[in-house]
PDB file of N, CA and C in Angstrom:
ATOM      1  N   MET A   1     143.552 166.342  78.436  1.00  0.00           N
ATOM      2  CA  MET A   1     144.613 165.872  77.555  1.00  0.00           C
ATOM      3  C   MET A   1     144.611 164.347  77.450  1.00  0.00           C
ATOM      4  N   SER A   2     144.363 163.662  78.555  1.00  0.00           N
ATOM      5  CA  SER A   2     144.363 162.201  78.519  1.00  0.00           C
ATOM      6  C   SER A   2     143.189 161.663  77.703  1.00  0.00           C
ATOM      7  N   VAL A   3     142.092 162.428  77.639  1.00  0.00           N
ATOM      8  CA  VAL A   3     140.951 162.004  76.829  1.00  0.00           C
ATOM      9  C   VAL A   3     141.335 162.008  75.355  1.00  0.00           C
ATOM     10  N   LEU A   4     142.073 163.017  74.934  1.00  0.00           N
ATOM     11  CA  LEU A   4     142.507 163.088  73.532  1.00  0.00           C
ATOM     12  C   LEU A   4     143.435 161.929  73.188  1.00  0.00           C
ATOM     13  N   ILE A   5     144.316 161.591  74.105  1.00  0.00           N
ATOM     14  CA  ILE A   5     145.226 160.474  73.869  1.00  0.00           C
ATOM     15  C   ILE A   5     144.437 159.162  73.800  1.00  0.00           C
ATOM     16  N   SER A   6     143.452 159.000  74.662  1.00  0.00           N
ATOM     17  CA  SER A   6     142.623 157.796  74.646  1.00  0.00           C
ATOM     18  C   SER A   6     141.832 157.696  73.342  1.00  0.00           C
ATOM     19  N   ILE A   7     141.295 158.804  72.885  1.00  0.00           N
ATOM     20  CA  ILE A   7     140.557 158.816  71.619  1.00  0.00           C
ATOM     21  C   ILE A   7     141.484 158.469  70.465  1.00  0.00           C
ATOM     22  N   LEU A   8     142.675 159.022  70.460  1.00  0.00           N
ATOM     23  CA  LEU A   8     143.642 158.747  69.395  1.00  0.00           C
ATOM     24  C   LEU A   8     144.052 157.274  69.394  1.00  0.00           C
ATOM     25  N   ILE A   9     144.317 156.721  70.558  1.00  0.00           N
ATOM     26  CA  ILE A   9     144.700 155.310  70.643  1.00  0.00           C
ATOM     27  C   ILE A   9     143.546 154.418  70.191  1.00  0.00           C
ATOM     28  N   THR A  10     142.332 154.743  70.591  1.00  0.00           N
ATOM     29  CA  THR A  10     141.171 153.964  70.162  1.00  0.00           C
ATOM     30  C   THR A  10     141.010 154.023  68.653  1.00  0.00           C
ATOM     31  N   PHE A  11     141.158 155.197  68.074  1.00  0.00           N
ATOM     32  CA  PHE A  11     141.052 155.351  66.623  1.00  0.00           C
ATOM     33  C   PHE A  11     142.122 154.528  65.912  1.00  0.00           C
ATOM     34  N   LEU A  12     143.343 154.560  66.420  1.00  0.00           N
ATOM     35  CA  LEU A  12     144.420 153.793  65.801  1.00  0.00           C
ATOM     36  C   LEU A  12     144.174 152.284  65.913  1.00  0.00           C
ATOM     37  N   VAL A  13     143.628 151.839  67.031  1.00  0.00           N
ATOM     38  CA  VAL A  13     143.318 150.420  67.192  1.00  0.00           C
ATOM     39  C   VAL A  13     142.221 150.002  66.211  1.00  0.00           C
ATOM     40  N   ILE A  14     141.213 150.849  66.035  1.00  0.00           N
ATOM     41  CA  ILE A  14     140.148 150.549  65.075  1.00  0.00           C
ATOM     42  C   ILE A  14     140.714 150.407  63.672  1.00  0.00           C
ATOM     43  N   VAL A  15     141.565 151.339  63.291  1.00  0.00           N
ATOM     44  CA  VAL A  15     142.171 151.288  61.955  1.00  0.00           C
ATOM     45  C   VAL A  15     143.027 150.032  61.799  1.00  0.00           C
ATOM     46  N   LEU A  16     143.790 149.694  62.821  1.00  0.00           N
ATOM     47  CA  LEU A  16     144.636 148.499  62.765  1.00  0.00           C
ATOM     48  C   LEU A  16     143.799 147.224  62.636  1.00  0.00           C
ATOM     49  N   VAL A  17     142.725 147.124  63.406  1.00  0.00           N
ATOM     50  CA  VAL A  17     141.875 145.935  63.339  1.00  0.00           C
ATOM     51  C   VAL A  17     141.193 145.849  61.977  1.00  0.00           C
ATOM     52  N   LEU A  18     140.738 146.976  61.433  1.00  0.00           N
ATOM     53  CA  LEU A  18     140.131 146.955  60.103  1.00  0.00           C
ATOM     54  C   LEU A  18     141.138 146.518  59.046  1.00  0.00           C
ATOM     55  N   TRP A  19     142.372 146.957  59.189  1.00  0.00           N
ATOM     56  CA  TRP A  19     143.417 146.544  58.249  1.00  0.00           C
ATOM     57  C   TRP A  19     143.685 145.041  58.358  1.00  0.00           C
ATOM     58  N   LEU A  20     143.718 144.537  59.600  1.00  0.00           N
ATOM     59  CA  LEU A  20     143.940 143.113  59.798  1.00  0.00           C
ATOM     60  C   LEU A  20     142.784 142.282  59.251  1.00  0.00           C
ATOM     61  N   VAL A  21     141.564 142.784  59.366  1.00  0.00           N
ATOM     62  CA  VAL A  21     140.409 142.077  58.811  1.00  0.00           C
ATOM     63  C   VAL A  21     140.543 141.981  57.295  1.00  0.00           C
ATOM     64  N   GLN A  22     141.059 143.022  56.664  1.00  0.00           N
ATOM     65  CA  GLN A  22     141.266 142.987  55.216  1.00  0.00           C
ATOM     66  C   GLN A  22     142.269 141.913  54.827  1.00  0.00           C
ATOM     67  N   ARG A  23     143.212 141.630  55.694  1.00  0.00           N
ATOM     68  CA  ARG A  23     144.250 140.645  55.407  1.00  0.00           C
ATOM     69  C   ARG A  23     143.788 139.204  55.621  1.00  0.00           C
ATOM     70  N   LEU A  24     142.672 139.008  56.329  1.00  0.00           N
ATOM     71  CA  LEU A  24     142.182 137.659  56.603  1.00  0.00           C
ATOM     72  C   LEU A  24     141.581 137.033  55.344  1.00  0.00           C
ATOM     73  N   PRO A  25     141.742 135.725  55.205  1.00  0.00           N
ATOM     74  CA  PRO A  25     141.159 135.042  54.036  1.00  0.00           C
ATOM     75  C   PRO A  25     139.677 134.715  54.253  1.00  0.00           C
ATOM     76  N   LEU A  26     138.844 135.742  54.240  1.00  0.00           N
ATOM     77  CA  LEU A  26     137.408 135.572  54.425  1.00  0.00           C
ATOM     78  C   LEU A  26     136.692 135.914  53.121  1.00  0.00           C
ATOM     79  N   ASP A  27     135.484 135.378  52.955  1.00  0.00           N
ATOM     80  CA  ASP A  27     134.708 135.773  51.797  1.00  0.00           C
ATOM     81  C   ASP A  27     134.172 137.191  52.004  1.00  0.00           C
ATOM     82  N   GLY A  28     133.675 137.793  50.956  1.00  0.00           N
ATOM     83  CA  GLY A  28     133.292 139.203  50.988  1.00  0.00           C
ATOM     84  C   GLY A  28     132.203 139.527  51.991  1.00  0.00           C
ATOM     85  N   ARG A  29     131.189 138.692  52.077  1.00  0.00           N
ATOM     86  CA  ARG A  29     130.068 138.964  52.980  1.00  0.00           C
ATOM     87  C   ARG A  29     130.509 138.901  54.445  1.00  0.00           C
ATOM     88  N   MET A  30     131.299 137.892  54.791  1.00  0.00           N
ATOM     89  CA  MET A  30     131.782 137.749  56.163  1.00  0.00           C
ATOM     90  C   MET A  30     132.699 138.913  56.532  1.00  0.00           C
ATOM     91  N   ARG A  31     133.528 139.349  55.594  1.00  0.00           N
ATOM     92  CA  ARG A  31     134.430 140.477  55.842  1.00  0.00           C
ATOM     93  C   ARG A  31     133.631 141.747  56.128  1.00  0.00           C
ATOM     94  N   GLN A  32     132.551 141.967  55.391  1.00  0.00           N
ATOM     95  CA  GLN A  32     131.717 143.147  55.624  1.00  0.00           C
ATOM     96  C   GLN A  32     131.057 143.099  56.994  1.00  0.00           C
ATOM     97  N   ILE A  33     130.622 141.922  57.408  1.00  0.00           N
ATOM     98  CA  ILE A  33     130.000 141.783  58.725  1.00  0.00           C
ATOM     99  C   ILE A  33     131.003 142.080  59.826  1.00  0.00           C
ATOM    100  N   VAL A  34     132.202 141.534  59.703  1.00  0.00           N
ATOM    101  CA  VAL A  34     133.240 141.765  60.720  1.00  0.00           C
ATOM    102  C   VAL A  34     133.630 143.242  60.748  1.00  0.00           C
ATOM    103  N   GLN A  35     133.751 143.871  59.588  1.00  0.00           N
ATOM    104  CA  GLN A  35     134.084 145.292  59.542  1.00  0.00           C
ATOM    105  C   GLN A  35     132.998 146.125  60.203  1.00  0.00           C
ATOM    106  N   ALA A  36     131.740 145.797  59.954  1.00  0.00           N
ATOM    107  CA  ALA A  36     130.642 146.544  60.574  1.00  0.00           C
ATOM    108  C   ALA A  36     130.674 146.390  62.093  1.00  0.00           C
ATOM    109  N   ILE A  37     130.940 145.186  62.576  1.00  0.00           N
ATOM    110  CA  ILE A  37     131.022 144.961  64.023  1.00  0.00           C
ATOM    111  C   ILE A  37     132.158 145.776  64.630  1.00  0.00           C
ATOM    112  N   VAL A  38     133.313 145.783  63.980  1.00  0.00           N
ATOM    113  CA  VAL A  38     134.462 146.542  64.491  1.00  0.00           C
ATOM    114  C   VAL A  38     134.146 148.032  64.511  1.00  0.00           C
ATOM    115  N   ILE A  39     133.523 148.538  63.474  1.00  0.00           N
ATOM    116  CA  ILE A  39     133.195 149.965  63.417  1.00  0.00           C
ATOM    117  C   ILE A  39     132.175 150.331  64.486  1.00  0.00           C
ATOM    118  N   ILE A  40     131.163 149.486  64.700  1.00  0.00           N
ATOM    119  CA  ILE A  40     130.158 149.770  65.729  1.00  0.00           C
ATOM    120  C   ILE A  40     130.787 149.776  67.115  1.00  0.00           C
ATOM    121  N   ILE A  41     131.633 148.786  67.398  1.00  0.00           N
ATOM    122  CA  ILE A  41     132.313 148.749  68.697  1.00  0.00           C
ATOM    123  C   ILE A  41     133.217 149.966  68.861  1.00  0.00           C
ATOM    124  N   GLY A  42     133.901 150.353  67.791  1.00  0.00           N
ATOM    125  CA  GLY A  42     134.770 151.524  67.853  1.00  0.00           C
ATOM    126  C   GLY A  42     134.009 152.801  68.102  1.00  0.00           C
ATOM    127  N   ILE A  43     132.863 152.977  67.448  1.00  0.00           N
ATOM    128  CA  ILE A  43     132.059 154.184  67.655  1.00  0.00           C
ATOM    129  C   ILE A  43     131.524 154.231  69.077  1.00  0.00           C
ATOM    130  N   ILE A  44     131.088 153.088  69.589  1.00  0.00           N
ATOM    131  CA  ILE A  44     130.584 153.052  70.966  1.00  0.00           C
ATOM    132  C   ILE A  44     131.692 153.403  71.953  1.00  0.00           C
ATOM    133  N   SER A  45     132.896 152.887  71.732  1.00  0.00           N
ATOM    134  CA  SER A  45     133.990 153.204  72.663  1.00  0.00           C
ATOM    135  C   SER A  45     134.404 154.668  72.552  1.00  0.00           C
ATOM    136  N   LEU A  46     134.370 155.233  71.346  1.00  0.00           N
ATOM    137  CA  LEU A  46     134.690 156.661  71.211  1.00  0.00           C
ATOM    138  C   LEU A  46     133.629 157.522  71.877  1.00  0.00           C
ATOM    139  N   LEU A  47     132.365 157.157  71.752  1.00  0.00           N
ATOM    140  CA  LEU A  47     131.309 157.904  72.427  1.00  0.00           C
ATOM    141  C   LEU A  47     131.434 157.790  73.934  1.00  0.00           C
ATOM    142  N   ARG A  48     131.896 156.649  74.416  1.00  0.00           N
ATOM    143  CA  ARG A  48     132.094 156.489  75.854  1.00  0.00           C
ATOM    144  C   ARG A  48     133.195 157.441  76.351  1.00  0.00           C
ATOM    145  N   TYR A  49     134.257 157.601  75.553  1.00  0.00           N
ATOM    146  CA  TYR A  49     135.317 158.523  75.949  1.00  0.00           C
ATOM    147  C   TYR A  49     134.840 159.964  75.938  1.00  0.00           C
ATOM    148  N   LEU A  50     133.880 160.260  75.082  1.00  0.00           N
ATOM    149  CA  LEU A  50     133.345 161.624  75.032  1.00  0.00           C
ATOM    150  C   LEU A  50     132.215 161.850  76.032  1.00  0.00           C
ATOM    151  N   ALA A  51     131.991 160.861  76.894  1.00  0.00           N
ATOM    152  CA  ALA A  51     131.020 160.920  77.983  1.00  0.00           C
ATOM    153  C   ALA A  51     129.586 161.053  77.485  1.00  0.00           C
ATOM    154  N   VAL A  52     129.300 160.456  76.337  1.00  0.00           N
ATOM    155  CA  VAL A  52     127.926 160.431  75.852  1.00  0.00           C
ATOM    156  C   VAL A  52     127.172 159.325  76.575  1.00  0.00           C
ATOM    157  N   PHE A  53     127.845 158.196  76.842  1.00  0.00           N
ATOM    158  CA  PHE A  53     127.244 157.075  77.565  1.00  0.00           C
ATOM    159  C   PHE A  53     127.710 157.100  78.988  1.00  0.00           C
TER     160      PHE A  53
END
C-alpha cells in the first residue's frame, strides 16, 4: 500500500513541476529541455519504486 502512495505522490510532483516549468518565462527550446529532464527523472524514480532498479 505504501508503494502505491509513493508512486502517486511522485506522479503528482512530476505533474506539478511540469506545470511550473510551463509558467516560467523560458524560450521554447529551453522549456523542452527542462521538461525532458523532469520526465526522465520522474520515470527513473517511478521505476525505482517498482523495484526495477
